């Protein structure tokens, strides 16, 4: 198998988690985000992109 270099994306939490359902909080925490305006970097895999899609109203992709 050839080694593919996966693109990295930066994910930023833009809205507060106050009042959101517990399952959405778990997804955001699974992405490694704990505070508003925090930015984390992840590989652009289908799993991460699915998590971002699940909470797209709370996060944005910076890069």
Foldseek 3Di string as FASTA:
>chain_A
DDDDDFDKWKKFFADDCPPPDPVLVVLCVVQVDDDHGDIDMDGPDPVNVVSCVVPVVGMDIPD
